Amino acid sequence: MPLLNKRNPHSKWGLDVSGLIGMGFVLLLLLFIALNSHFRFTALLSSAGKYHPMDPVEISTKTSPVDGAEMVFVPSGPFLMGSLKSDKNAYQNEIPQHEVTLDAFWIDKTEVTNASYAKCVQAGACDPPQAFGMLKPNSMTRPSYYDSPDFQDYPVVYVNWTMAQDYCQWAGKRLPTEAEWEKAARGTDGRMYPWGNQNVAGDLANLADENTDYDWSFKLVNDGYLDTSPVGNYPSGASPYGALDMSGNVWEWVSDWFDETYYQDSPTDNPAGPLQGEFRVLRGGCWQSSNWGIRAAVRSRLEPQTAYSYIGFRCVSPQ
């Protein structure tokens, strides 16, 4: 008696129904992953709208005489500070976007390094990195950091607001105001990041990426570091004036006291922040921040005597 053909009569190519269902599920899963990745990458940009890039400026530099830091020039004039109400990614303390006019100034091209900070310590003008009453020569993942020759061109961390201010005064400079920091970071056209409105890529900034396991890590990016990176490591992410690392790497102290609603009635000329407060402002995000957390308009705050492994600073001087 001939054997019956067991092939499913509904499968033209000899595949059973369950096999077709399985293949369809895999294809749908791959499509979902692709679309999810696409929308995760572009979601920031969808609400930002178009912006008209500022005209390129000639980048001017000078060397600070005391600490030897390279500085870049930011010309006087108005710029757009804060975020639009229509930007769904903006925090309330970034709103409203408003025009601010500043005098010209110079700002450190990069964050202050371990090597530069050590000069101030050796001069007796600065305390070594510390937190909660303990010396902190380490970073988050490196037991030896501040005191290691391998990390001398990395940003100094575990410095509180007073320590940062002491360094800038020793170097003949000062901490930037919040407005100065933001103009140096984004120029005059209201761009989202120092480099424009392009979302983050691995050659633009050091942030929480595939090397970290936070819930907000941006897994589509590999910046090459689990912790801090050398200053100036991402030249493609430079601001319009040539300042580097204004997004990511370490949060940066500025001089202002923090006020959640300060932008609602901020002075239009050279705002210096509230006269008093409980917290000082931090800007720029860090290696632990999400891609939306390193936008140029993002504001954070911390008690001024607190220091962590993700906080550093840079200095400014007048024209």
Protein backbone atom coordinates (compact mmCIF):
# COMPACT_ATOMS: atom_id res chain seq x y z
CA MET A 1 0.00 0.00 0.00
CA PRO A 2 1.59 3.35 -0.99
CA LEU A 3 2.53 5.76 1.79
CA LEU A 4 0.36 8.84 2.08
CA ASN A 5 1.98 12.19 1.36
CA LYS A 6 2.20 13.83 4.77
CA ARG A 7 3.03 17.26 3.34
CA ASN A 8 0.64 20.02 4.37
CA PRO A 9 -1.59 20.65 1.36
CA HIS A 10 -1.74 24.36 2.29
CA SER A 11 2.03 24.80 2.00
CA LYS A 12 3.09 25.30 -1.59
CA TRP A 13 6.82 24.90 -0.81
CA GLY A 14 6.51 22.04 1.64
CA LEU A 15 6.65 24.13 4.81
CA ASP A 16 4.07 23.43 7.45
CA VAL A 17 1.84 26.17 8.82
CA SER A 18 3.72 26.39 12.12
CA GLY A 19 6.95 27.03 10.23
CA LEU A 20 5.40 29.87 8.30
CA ILE A 21 4.03 31.37 11.50
CA GLY A 22 7.47 31.14 13.10
CA MET A 23 9.14 32.86 10.14
CA GLY A 24 6.50 35.57 10.18
CA PHE A 25 7.06 36.17 13.89
CA VAL A 26 10.82 36.50 13.39
CA LEU A 27 10.32 38.97 10.53
CA LEU A 28 7.89 41.05 12.61
CA LEU A 29 10.35 41.04 15.52
CA LEU A 30 13.18 42.23 13.28
CA LEU A 31 10.94 44.94 11.85
CA PHE A 32 9.95 46.05 15.37
CA ILE A 33 13.60 46.25 16.46
CA ALA A 34 14.51 48.29 13.38
CA LEU A 35 11.60 50.70 13.81
CA ASN A 36 12.17 51.01 17.55
CA SER A 37 15.83 51.84 16.97
CA HIS A 38 14.92 54.39 14.31
CA PHE A 39 12.36 56.16 16.48
CA ARG A 40 14.58 56.08 19.56
CA PHE A 41 17.29 57.75 17.54
CA THR A 42 15.06 60.39 15.97
CA ALA A 43 12.61 61.03 18.81
CA LEU A 44 14.68 63.88 20.20
CA LEU A 45 14.76 65.63 16.88
CA SER A 46 11.06 65.37 16.07
CA SER A 47 10.05 67.99 18.63
CA ALA A 48 13.06 70.23 18.19
CA GLY A 49 11.96 71.60 14.84
CA LYS A 50 14.28 73.21 12.37
CA TYR A 51 16.84 75.77 13.35
CA HIS A 52 18.85 78.14 11.22
CA PRO A 53 22.54 77.56 11.94
CA MET A 54 24.48 80.63 12.94
CA ASP A 55 27.11 81.94 10.59
CA PRO A 56 30.49 80.30 11.25
CA VAL A 57 32.83 82.34 13.43
CA GLU A 58 36.59 82.52 13.31
CA ILE A 59 37.82 80.55 16.31
CA SER A 60 40.25 82.53 18.44
CA THR A 61 42.41 80.94 21.13
CA LYS A 62 44.86 82.01 23.79
CA THR A 63 46.83 80.31 26.56
CA SER A 64 46.04 81.06 30.17
CA PRO A 65 49.32 82.24 31.78
CA VAL A 66 48.96 80.52 35.17
CA ASP A 67 47.59 77.05 34.45
CA GLY A 68 48.55 76.87 30.76
CA ALA A 69 45.01 76.02 29.67
CA GLU A 70 43.95 76.81 26.11
CA MET A 71 40.95 79.16 26.01
CA VAL A 72 38.52 80.07 23.23
CA PHE A 73 36.87 83.42 22.63
CA VAL A 74 33.11 84.01 22.81
CA PRO A 75 32.12 87.39 21.32
CA SER A 76 29.62 89.79 22.86
CA GLY A 77 26.02 89.91 21.74
CA PRO A 78 22.67 88.13 22.11
CA PHE A 79 21.90 84.42 22.03
CA LEU A 80 18.91 82.15 22.62
CA MET A 81 18.96 80.61 26.10
CA GLY A 82 16.73 77.79 27.32
CA SER A 83 14.17 75.63 25.53
CA LEU A 84 10.93 76.22 23.67
CA LYS A 85 7.63 75.34 25.34
CA SER A 86 6.88 73.14 22.34
CA ASP A 87 9.92 70.95 23.00
CA LYS A 88 8.49 67.85 24.69
CA ASN A 89 11.96 66.83 25.89
CA ALA A 90 12.57 70.05 27.79
CA TYR A 91 12.36 70.22 31.56
CA GLN A 92 10.29 72.99 33.09
CA ASN A 93 13.34 74.73 34.53
CA GLU A 94 14.65 75.23 30.94
CA ILE A 95 11.52 77.10 29.86
CA PRO A 96 10.89 79.61 28.39
CA GLN A 97 13.51 80.16 25.74
CA HIS A 98 14.59 83.79 25.96
CA GLU A 99 17.14 86.13 24.43
CA VAL A 100 20.11 87.08 26.60
CA THR A 101 22.92 89.51 25.77
CA LEU A 102 26.40 88.93 27.16
CA ASP A 103 29.70 90.77 27.19
CA ALA A 104 32.58 89.02 25.46
CA PHE A 105 34.63 86.47 27.42
CA TRP A 106 37.17 83.67 27.15
CA ILE A 107 36.38 80.13 28.31
CA ASP A 108 38.60 77.11 28.83
CA LYS A 109 38.53 74.98 25.71
CA THR A 110 38.22 71.82 27.81
CA GLU A 111 37.38 70.82 31.34
CA VAL A 112 40.14 71.28 33.92
CA THR A 113 42.38 68.20 33.93
CA ASN A 114 43.97 66.20 36.71
CA ALA A 115 47.37 67.59 35.68
CA SER A 116 46.22 71.21 35.80
CA TYR A 117 44.42 70.78 39.09
CA ALA A 118 47.51 69.17 40.61
CA LYS A 119 49.45 72.39 39.91
CA CYS A 120 46.99 74.29 42.09
CA VAL A 121 47.29 71.67 44.84
CA GLN A 122 51.08 71.87 44.68
CA ALA A 123 50.86 75.66 44.92
CA GLY A 124 48.87 75.30 48.14
CA ALA A 125 45.82 77.06 46.69
CA CYS A 126 43.62 73.98 46.20
CA ASP A 127 42.61 70.94 48.22
CA PRO A 128 43.12 67.55 46.57
CA PRO A 129 40.02 65.77 45.23
CA GLN A 130 37.83 64.60 48.07
CA ALA A 131 34.27 63.83 49.09
CA PHE A 132 32.52 63.36 52.43
CA GLY A 133 35.74 64.02 54.30
CA MET A 134 37.83 61.44 52.44
CA LEU A 135 40.52 61.89 49.80
CA LYS A 136 39.34 60.54 46.44
CA PRO A 137 42.22 59.79 44.06
CA ASN A 138 39.93 57.36 42.19
CA SER A 139 37.22 57.74 39.57
CA MET A 140 34.09 55.60 39.43
CA THR A 141 35.81 52.56 37.86
CA ARG A 142 39.52 53.33 38.33
CA PRO A 143 41.11 52.87 41.77
CA SER A 144 43.96 55.20 40.77
CA TYR A 145 42.92 58.20 38.69
CA TYR A 146 43.92 61.65 39.94
CA ASP A 147 47.31 60.32 41.08
CA SER A 148 47.95 58.14 38.01
CA PRO A 149 50.16 59.28 35.11
CA ASP A 150 47.78 57.44 32.78
CA PHE A 151 44.93 59.88 33.46
CA GLN A 152 46.62 63.28 33.66
CA ASP A 153 44.71 64.60 30.62
CA TYR A 154 41.35 63.42 31.97
CA PRO A 155 38.95 65.80 33.78
CA VAL A 156 39.49 66.21 37.49
CA VAL A 157 36.53 64.90 39.52
CA TYR A 158 35.51 64.87 43.18
CA VAL A 159 35.71 68.64 43.38
CA ASN A 160 32.92 70.60 45.02
CA TRP A 161 31.81 74.11 44.03
CA THR A 162 34.17 75.83 46.46
CA MET A 163 37.14 73.77 45.25
CA ALA A 164 36.31 74.66 41.64
CA GLN A 165 36.02 78.33 42.55
CA ASP A 166 39.37 78.19 44.41
CA TYR A 167 41.08 76.76 41.34
CA CYS A 168 39.68 79.40 39.00
CA GLN A 169 40.76 82.18 41.36
CA TRP A 170 44.26 80.72 41.60
CA ALA A 171 44.42 80.61 37.79
CA GLY A 172 43.37 84.29 37.55
CA LYS A 173 39.95 83.35 36.24
CA ARG A 174 36.48 82.56 37.62
CA LEU A 175 33.66 80.10 37.19
CA PRO A 176 31.37 80.92 34.24
CA THR A 177 27.88 82.17 34.79
CA GLU A 178 25.16 79.83 33.65
CA ALA A 179 24.44 82.12 30.68
CA GLU A 180 28.11 82.28 29.67
CA TRP A 181 28.39 78.52 29.83
CA GLU A 182 25.31 78.02 27.65
CA LYS A 183 26.34 80.52 25.00
CA ALA A 184 29.80 78.95 24.78
CA ALA A 185 28.11 75.54 24.39
CA ARG A 186 25.46 76.27 21.76
CA GLY A 187 26.16 79.61 20.10
CA THR A 188 23.39 82.00 19.14
CA ASP A 189 20.92 79.87 17.17
CA GLY A 190 19.20 77.79 19.86
CA ARG A 191 20.68 74.48 18.71
CA MET A 192 20.12 71.39 20.84
CA TYR A 193 23.74 70.25 21.12
CA PRO A 194 27.08 72.02 20.63
CA TRP A 195 27.35 70.47 17.17
CA GLY A 196 23.77 71.19 16.09
CA ASN A 197 20.53 69.17 16.15
CA GLN A 198 22.04 65.88 14.99
CA ASN A 199 21.46 63.22 17.62
CA VAL A 200 24.39 61.80 19.55
CA ALA A 201 26.99 59.60 17.86
CA GLY A 202 30.03 57.86 19.28
CA ASP A 203 32.43 60.49 17.95
CA LEU A 204 30.51 63.46 19.39
CA ALA A 205 30.30 63.02 23.17
CA ASN A 206 30.89 60.74 26.16
CA LEU A 207 27.54 59.66 27.62
CA ALA A 208 25.67 56.62 28.95
CA ASP A 209 25.91 54.27 25.99
CA GLU A 210 26.33 50.58 25.23
CA ASN A 211 29.25 50.48 27.67
CA THR A 212 26.91 51.24 30.60
CA ASP A 213 23.92 49.35 31.94
CA TYR A 214 21.65 52.16 33.14
CA ASP A 215 17.97 52.03 32.20
CA TRP A 216 18.51 55.20 30.14
CA SER A 217 21.74 54.10 28.42
CA PHE A 218 21.66 54.96 24.71
CA LYS A 219 22.58 51.53 23.37
CA LEU A 220 22.81 52.70 19.75
CA VAL A 221 26.06 54.53 20.54
CA ASN A 222 29.56 53.44 21.57
CA ASP A 223 31.70 56.37 22.74
CA GLY A 224 34.56 54.09 23.75
CA TYR A 225 34.52 54.69 27.52
CA LEU A 226 32.83 53.27 30.60
CA ASP A 227 33.93 56.24 32.72
CA THR A 228 35.42 59.66 31.96
CA SER A 229 37.34 60.18 28.72
CA PRO A 230 40.37 62.36 27.96
CA VAL A 231 39.45 66.03 27.55
CA GLY A 232 39.09 67.10 23.94
CA ASN A 233 38.54 63.50 22.83
CA TYR A 234 35.55 64.36 20.61
CA PRO A 235 36.57 67.22 18.27
CA SER A 236 33.57 66.55 16.02
CA GLY A 237 31.36 67.62 18.93
CA ALA A 238 32.92 71.08 19.27
CA SER A 239 30.73 74.11 19.93
CA PRO A 240 30.54 76.98 17.38
CA TYR A 241 33.38 78.74 19.25
CA GLY A 242 35.61 75.66 19.48
CA ALA A 243 34.86 74.63 23.08
CA LEU A 244 35.03 70.87 23.62
CA ASP A 245 33.21 68.44 25.92
CA MET A 246 30.37 70.88 26.55
CA SER A 247 28.09 67.84 26.28
CA GLY A 248 28.90 64.81 28.41
CA ASN A 249 32.09 63.58 30.10
CA VAL A 250 31.51 65.41 33.42
CA TRP A 251 28.92 67.80 34.76
CA GLU A 252 30.41 71.27 35.18
CA TRP A 253 29.94 73.71 38.05
CA VAL A 254 28.94 77.26 37.15
CA SER A 255 28.80 80.26 39.45
CA ASP A 256 25.01 80.68 39.73
CA TRP A 257 22.69 79.71 42.52
CA PHE A 258 19.87 77.53 41.21
CA ASP A 259 16.27 78.74 40.91
CA GLU A 260 13.67 76.49 39.27
CA THR A 261 11.75 79.46 37.81
CA TYR A 262 14.64 81.85 37.17
CA TYR A 263 14.11 81.89 33.40
CA GLN A 264 10.63 83.35 33.81
CA ASP A 265 12.01 86.75 34.82
CA SER A 266 15.74 86.48 34.18
CA PRO A 267 17.59 89.73 33.37
CA THR A 268 18.27 90.15 29.67
CA ASP A 269 21.82 91.49 30.06
CA ASN A 270 24.61 89.47 31.69
CA PRO A 271 22.40 87.50 34.09
CA ALA A 272 24.35 86.20 37.09
CA GLY A 273 21.65 84.09 38.72
CA PRO A 274 19.79 84.56 42.01
CA LEU A 275 21.50 86.35 44.89
CA GLN A 276 21.18 83.31 47.16
CA GLY A 277 19.97 79.75 47.23
CA GLU A 278 20.46 76.23 48.50
CA PHE A 279 21.99 74.66 45.38
CA ARG A 280 24.54 75.67 42.75
CA VAL A 281 23.96 74.99 39.05
CA LEU A 282 25.62 72.22 37.06
CA ARG A 283 25.63 72.12 33.26
CA GLY A 284 26.49 69.80 30.38
CA GLY A 285 25.62 66.30 31.55
CA CYS A 286 28.18 63.55 32.03
CA TRP A 287 29.26 60.03 31.11
CA GLN A 288 26.27 58.73 33.10
CA SER A 289 23.70 60.88 31.26
CA SER A 290 21.22 59.93 28.56
CA ASN A 291 21.26 61.47 25.11
CA TRP A 292 18.57 63.96 26.17
CA GLY A 293 20.47 64.66 29.40
CA ILE A 294 23.46 66.17 27.60
CA ARG A 295 21.50 68.77 25.64
CA ALA A 296 23.01 72.26 25.90
CA ALA A 297 19.93 73.67 27.68
CA VAL A 298 19.78 71.06 30.46
CA ARG A 299 20.14 72.43 33.99
CA SER A 300 20.95 70.46 37.12
CA ARG A 301 21.68 71.42 40.72
CA LEU A 302 23.61 70.20 43.73
CA GLU A 303 24.57 71.38 47.18
CA PRO A 304 27.81 73.34 46.71
CA GLN A 305 29.85 71.29 49.20
CA THR A 306 29.04 67.99 47.48
CA ALA A 307 31.48 66.22 45.14
CA TYR A 308 31.05 63.14 42.99
CA SER A 309 32.93 61.12 40.38
CA TYR A 310 30.96 62.71 37.54
CA ILE A 311 31.47 66.39 38.40
CA GLY A 312 34.22 68.73 37.15
CA PHE A 313 34.43 72.30 35.86
CA ARG A 314 36.08 74.83 33.56
CA CYS A 315 36.89 78.55 34.01
CA VAL A 316 36.36 81.83 32.16
CA SER A 317 38.05 85.21 32.04
CA PRO A 318 36.82 88.56 30.69
CA GLN A 319 37.93 89.89 27.33
